Amino acid sequence: MYSLSDEFLSVMIAYSSLFSKPVFTYARRLLAGAILALGKRTVTSVLRVLGVIPQVPPNAEHCPLVSPGGGRIQRKAVLSLL
């Protein structure tokens, strides 16, 4: 697991009264994930760093027109019908 430094936790404790105990625990985890996240610090990237959301292979969703049996000419024919 991970842990935050004592100095950082002392700053966060000041905000603990604003949240319930379970919510504050999640907030600490999200903040630690935001610190570790690379690039854009969106909720999705933070959850990926924490391991809540699995990494998606780039070819699974980003290439919808590429099919195992279809070639470039077949895709062009299908798109021309639209």
N, C-alpha and C. Protein backbone atom coordinates (compact mmCIF):
# COMPACT_ATOMS: atom_id res chain seq x y z
N MET A 1 0.84 -1.17 0.00
CA MET A 1 0.00 0.00 0.00
C MET A 1 0.89 1.24 0.00
N TYR A 2 0.34 2.39 0.08
CA TYR A 2 1.08 3.63 0.05
C TYR A 2 0.79 4.40 1.33
N SER A 3 1.63 5.36 1.64
CA SER A 3 1.37 6.23 2.78
C SER A 3 1.90 7.62 2.46
N LEU A 4 1.23 8.60 2.99
CA LEU A 4 1.63 9.99 2.79
C LEU A 4 2.55 10.41 3.93
N SER A 5 3.35 11.43 3.68
CA SER A 5 4.27 11.89 4.72
C SER A 5 3.50 12.50 5.88
N ASP A 6 4.13 12.52 7.04
CA ASP A 6 3.50 13.07 8.24
C ASP A 6 3.18 14.56 8.08
N GLU A 7 4.06 15.29 7.40
CA GLU A 7 3.83 16.72 7.17
C GLU A 7 2.58 16.94 6.33
N PHE A 8 2.44 16.12 5.30
CA PHE A 8 1.29 16.26 4.41
C PHE A 8 0.00 15.85 5.13
N LEU A 9 0.08 14.79 5.91
CA LEU A 9 -1.10 14.35 6.66
C LEU A 9 -1.53 15.39 7.68
N SER A 10 -0.57 16.10 8.28
CA SER A 10 -0.94 17.13 9.25
C SER A 10 -1.72 18.26 8.59
N VAL A 11 -1.42 18.56 7.33
CA VAL A 11 -2.19 19.57 6.61
C VAL A 11 -3.59 19.04 6.28
N MET A 12 -3.66 17.77 5.90
CA MET A 12 -4.95 17.18 5.54
C MET A 12 -5.87 17.01 6.74
N ILE A 13 -5.30 16.80 7.92
CA ILE A 13 -6.11 16.61 9.12
C ILE A 13 -6.98 17.83 9.38
N ALA A 14 -6.51 19.00 8.99
CA ALA A 14 -7.30 20.22 9.18
C ALA A 14 -8.64 20.14 8.45
N TYR A 15 -8.70 19.36 7.38
CA TYR A 15 -9.93 19.23 6.59
C TYR A 15 -10.75 18.00 6.97
N SER A 16 -10.26 17.19 7.87
CA SER A 16 -10.94 15.94 8.20
C SER A 16 -12.31 16.15 8.83
N SER A 17 -12.50 17.27 9.52
CA SER A 17 -13.80 17.51 10.16
C SER A 17 -14.89 17.82 9.14
N LEU A 18 -14.53 18.14 7.92
CA LEU A 18 -15.51 18.46 6.89
C LEU A 18 -16.11 17.21 6.27
N PHE A 19 -15.50 16.04 6.49
CA PHE A 19 -15.93 14.81 5.85
C PHE A 19 -16.18 13.73 6.90
N SER A 20 -16.99 12.75 6.52
CA SER A 20 -17.12 11.58 7.39
C SER A 20 -15.84 10.75 7.27
N LYS A 21 -15.63 9.83 8.19
CA LYS A 21 -14.40 9.04 8.20
C LYS A 21 -14.20 8.23 6.92
N PRO A 22 -15.25 7.51 6.41
CA PRO A 22 -15.03 6.76 5.17
C PRO A 22 -14.74 7.67 3.97
N VAL A 23 -15.42 8.81 3.90
CA VAL A 23 -15.19 9.72 2.77
C VAL A 23 -13.79 10.31 2.85
N PHE A 24 -13.33 10.63 4.05
CA PHE A 24 -11.99 11.18 4.20
C PHE A 24 -10.93 10.16 3.80
N THR A 25 -11.18 8.89 4.08
CA THR A 25 -10.25 7.83 3.66
C THR A 25 -10.14 7.79 2.14
N TYR A 26 -11.30 7.85 1.46
CA TYR A 26 -11.29 7.87 -0.01
C TYR A 26 -10.62 9.13 -0.54
N ALA A 27 -10.84 10.26 0.10
CA ALA A 27 -10.23 11.51 -0.34
C ALA A 27 -8.70 11.42 -0.24
N ARG A 28 -8.20 10.82 0.83
CA ARG A 28 -6.75 10.64 0.97
C ARG A 28 -6.20 9.76 -0.14
N ARG A 29 -6.92 8.69 -0.47
CA ARG A 29 -6.47 7.80 -1.55
C ARG A 29 -6.46 8.53 -2.89
N LEU A 30 -7.54 9.29 -3.16
CA LEU A 30 -7.60 10.03 -4.43
C LEU A 30 -6.50 11.08 -4.52
N LEU A 31 -6.21 11.74 -3.42
CA LEU A 31 -5.15 12.74 -3.43
C LEU A 31 -3.79 12.10 -3.67
N ALA A 32 -3.53 10.97 -3.05
CA ALA A 32 -2.28 10.26 -3.29
C ALA A 32 -2.19 9.80 -4.74
N GLY A 33 -3.30 9.33 -5.31
CA GLY A 33 -3.31 8.94 -6.72
C GLY A 33 -3.09 10.11 -7.64
N ALA A 34 -3.63 11.28 -7.28
CA ALA A 34 -3.43 12.49 -8.09
C ALA A 34 -1.96 12.90 -8.08
N ILE A 35 -1.30 12.70 -6.96
CA ILE A 35 0.12 13.03 -6.89
C ILE A 35 0.93 12.08 -7.77
N LEU A 36 0.53 10.81 -7.83
CA LEU A 36 1.27 9.81 -8.59
C LEU A 36 0.91 9.77 -10.07
N ALA A 37 -0.23 10.34 -10.45
CA ALA A 37 -0.70 10.26 -11.84
C ALA A 37 0.19 11.09 -12.76
N LEU A 38 0.42 10.54 -13.94
CA LEU A 38 1.19 11.25 -14.96
C LEU A 38 0.23 11.90 -15.94
N GLY A 39 0.63 13.01 -16.53
CA GLY A 39 -0.20 13.68 -17.52
C GLY A 39 -1.38 14.38 -16.87
N LYS A 40 -2.52 14.33 -17.56
CA LYS A 40 -3.72 14.96 -17.03
C LYS A 40 -4.15 14.25 -15.75
N ARG A 41 -4.51 15.01 -14.77
CA ARG A 41 -4.93 14.43 -13.49
C ARG A 41 -6.45 14.39 -13.41
N THR A 42 -7.03 13.58 -14.26
CA THR A 42 -8.47 13.39 -14.24
C THR A 42 -8.80 12.29 -13.24
N VAL A 43 -10.06 12.18 -12.88
CA VAL A 43 -10.47 11.13 -11.95
C VAL A 43 -10.16 9.76 -12.54
N THR A 44 -10.36 9.60 -13.84
CA THR A 44 -10.08 8.32 -14.48
C THR A 44 -8.60 7.97 -14.39
N SER A 45 -7.72 8.93 -14.65
CA SER A 45 -6.29 8.62 -14.57
C SER A 45 -5.86 8.33 -13.14
N VAL A 46 -6.47 9.00 -12.17
CA VAL A 46 -6.16 8.73 -10.77
C VAL A 46 -6.60 7.32 -10.40
N LEU A 47 -7.80 6.94 -10.83
CA LEU A 47 -8.30 5.60 -10.52
C LEU A 47 -7.47 4.52 -11.21
N ARG A 48 -6.92 4.81 -12.38
CA ARG A 48 -6.04 3.85 -13.05
C ARG A 48 -4.75 3.69 -12.28
N VAL A 49 -4.20 4.78 -11.76
CA VAL A 49 -2.98 4.71 -10.96
C VAL A 49 -3.21 3.87 -9.71
N LEU A 50 -4.39 4.04 -9.11
CA LEU A 50 -4.70 3.30 -7.89
C LEU A 50 -5.06 1.84 -8.18
N GLY A 51 -5.25 1.48 -9.44
CA GLY A 51 -5.56 0.11 -9.80
C GLY A 51 -7.03 -0.23 -9.74
N VAL A 52 -7.89 0.78 -9.59
CA VAL A 52 -9.33 0.53 -9.54
C VAL A 52 -9.87 0.25 -10.94
N ILE A 53 -9.36 0.97 -11.94
CA ILE A 53 -9.75 0.77 -13.33
C ILE A 53 -8.57 0.14 -14.05
N PRO A 54 -8.76 -0.99 -14.73
CA PRO A 54 -7.63 -1.60 -15.44
C PRO A 54 -7.22 -0.78 -16.66
N GLN A 55 -5.98 -0.89 -17.03
CA GLN A 55 -5.49 -0.23 -18.24
C GLN A 55 -6.11 -0.89 -19.46
N VAL A 56 -6.59 -0.09 -20.38
CA VAL A 56 -7.21 -0.60 -21.60
C VAL A 56 -6.17 -0.60 -22.71
N PRO A 57 -5.99 -1.72 -23.39
CA PRO A 57 -5.05 -1.73 -24.51
C PRO A 57 -5.50 -0.72 -25.57
N PRO A 58 -4.58 0.06 -26.13
CA PRO A 58 -4.98 1.11 -27.06
C PRO A 58 -5.68 0.60 -28.32
N ASN A 59 -5.38 -0.62 -28.76
CA ASN A 59 -6.00 -1.10 -29.99
C ASN A 59 -7.40 -1.64 -29.76
N ALA A 60 -7.84 -1.82 -28.54
CA ALA A 60 -9.16 -2.39 -28.27
C ALA A 60 -10.28 -1.39 -28.57
N GLU A 61 -10.09 -0.13 -28.23
CA GLU A 61 -11.16 0.84 -28.40
C GLU A 61 -10.84 1.91 -29.43
N HIS A 62 -9.57 2.15 -29.69
CA HIS A 62 -9.20 3.29 -30.51
C HIS A 62 -9.15 3.00 -32.00
N CYS A 63 -9.35 1.76 -32.39
CA CYS A 63 -9.32 1.41 -33.80
C CYS A 63 -10.58 0.65 -34.18
N PRO A 64 -11.74 1.29 -34.14
CA PRO A 64 -12.97 0.55 -34.42
C PRO A 64 -13.11 0.13 -35.88
N LEU A 65 -12.39 0.79 -36.79
CA LEU A 65 -12.53 0.45 -38.20
C LEU A 65 -11.63 -0.71 -38.62
N VAL A 66 -10.71 -1.08 -37.78
CA VAL A 66 -9.80 -2.17 -38.12
C VAL A 66 -10.43 -3.48 -37.64
N SER A 67 -10.69 -4.34 -38.59
CA SER A 67 -11.23 -5.65 -38.24
C SER A 67 -10.27 -6.72 -38.76
N PRO A 68 -10.28 -7.90 -38.16
CA PRO A 68 -9.31 -8.92 -38.56
C PRO A 68 -9.42 -9.33 -40.02
N GLY A 69 -10.62 -9.43 -40.56
CA GLY A 69 -10.77 -9.90 -41.93
C GLY A 69 -10.96 -8.80 -42.95
N GLY A 70 -11.21 -7.58 -42.51
CA GLY A 70 -11.51 -6.50 -43.43
C GLY A 70 -10.29 -5.72 -43.83
N GLY A 71 -10.20 -5.38 -45.08
CA GLY A 71 -9.10 -4.58 -45.57
C GLY A 71 -9.52 -3.14 -45.75
N ARG A 72 -8.59 -2.34 -46.24
CA ARG A 72 -8.85 -0.91 -46.42
C ARG A 72 -9.95 -0.66 -47.44
N ILE A 73 -9.97 -1.44 -48.51
CA ILE A 73 -10.97 -1.24 -49.57
C ILE A 73 -12.37 -1.59 -49.05
N GLN A 74 -12.47 -2.66 -48.25
CA GLN A 74 -13.77 -3.04 -47.67
C GLN A 74 -14.28 -1.96 -46.73
N ARG A 75 -13.41 -1.39 -45.91
CA ARG A 75 -13.83 -0.33 -44.99
C ARG A 75 -14.28 0.89 -45.76
N LYS A 76 -13.56 1.21 -46.85
CA LYS A 76 -13.91 2.36 -47.66
C LYS A 76 -15.28 2.15 -48.30
N ALA A 77 -15.57 0.95 -48.74
CA ALA A 77 -16.87 0.66 -49.36
C ALA A 77 -17.99 0.79 -48.34
N VAL A 78 -17.76 0.31 -47.13
CA VAL A 78 -18.79 0.40 -46.10
C VAL A 78 -19.02 1.87 -45.72
N LEU A 79 -17.96 2.63 -45.58
CA LEU A 79 -18.11 4.03 -45.21
C LEU A 79 -18.76 4.85 -46.32
N SER A 80 -18.55 4.47 -47.57
CA SER A 80 -19.17 5.21 -48.67
C SER A 80 -20.68 5.02 -48.72
N LEU A 81 -21.17 3.91 -48.15
CA LEU A 81 -22.61 3.66 -48.09
C LEU A 81 -23.30 4.54 -47.06
N LEU A 82 -22.56 5.06 -46.10
CA LEU A 82 -23.16 5.92 -45.06
C LEU A 82 -23.41 7.24 -45.67
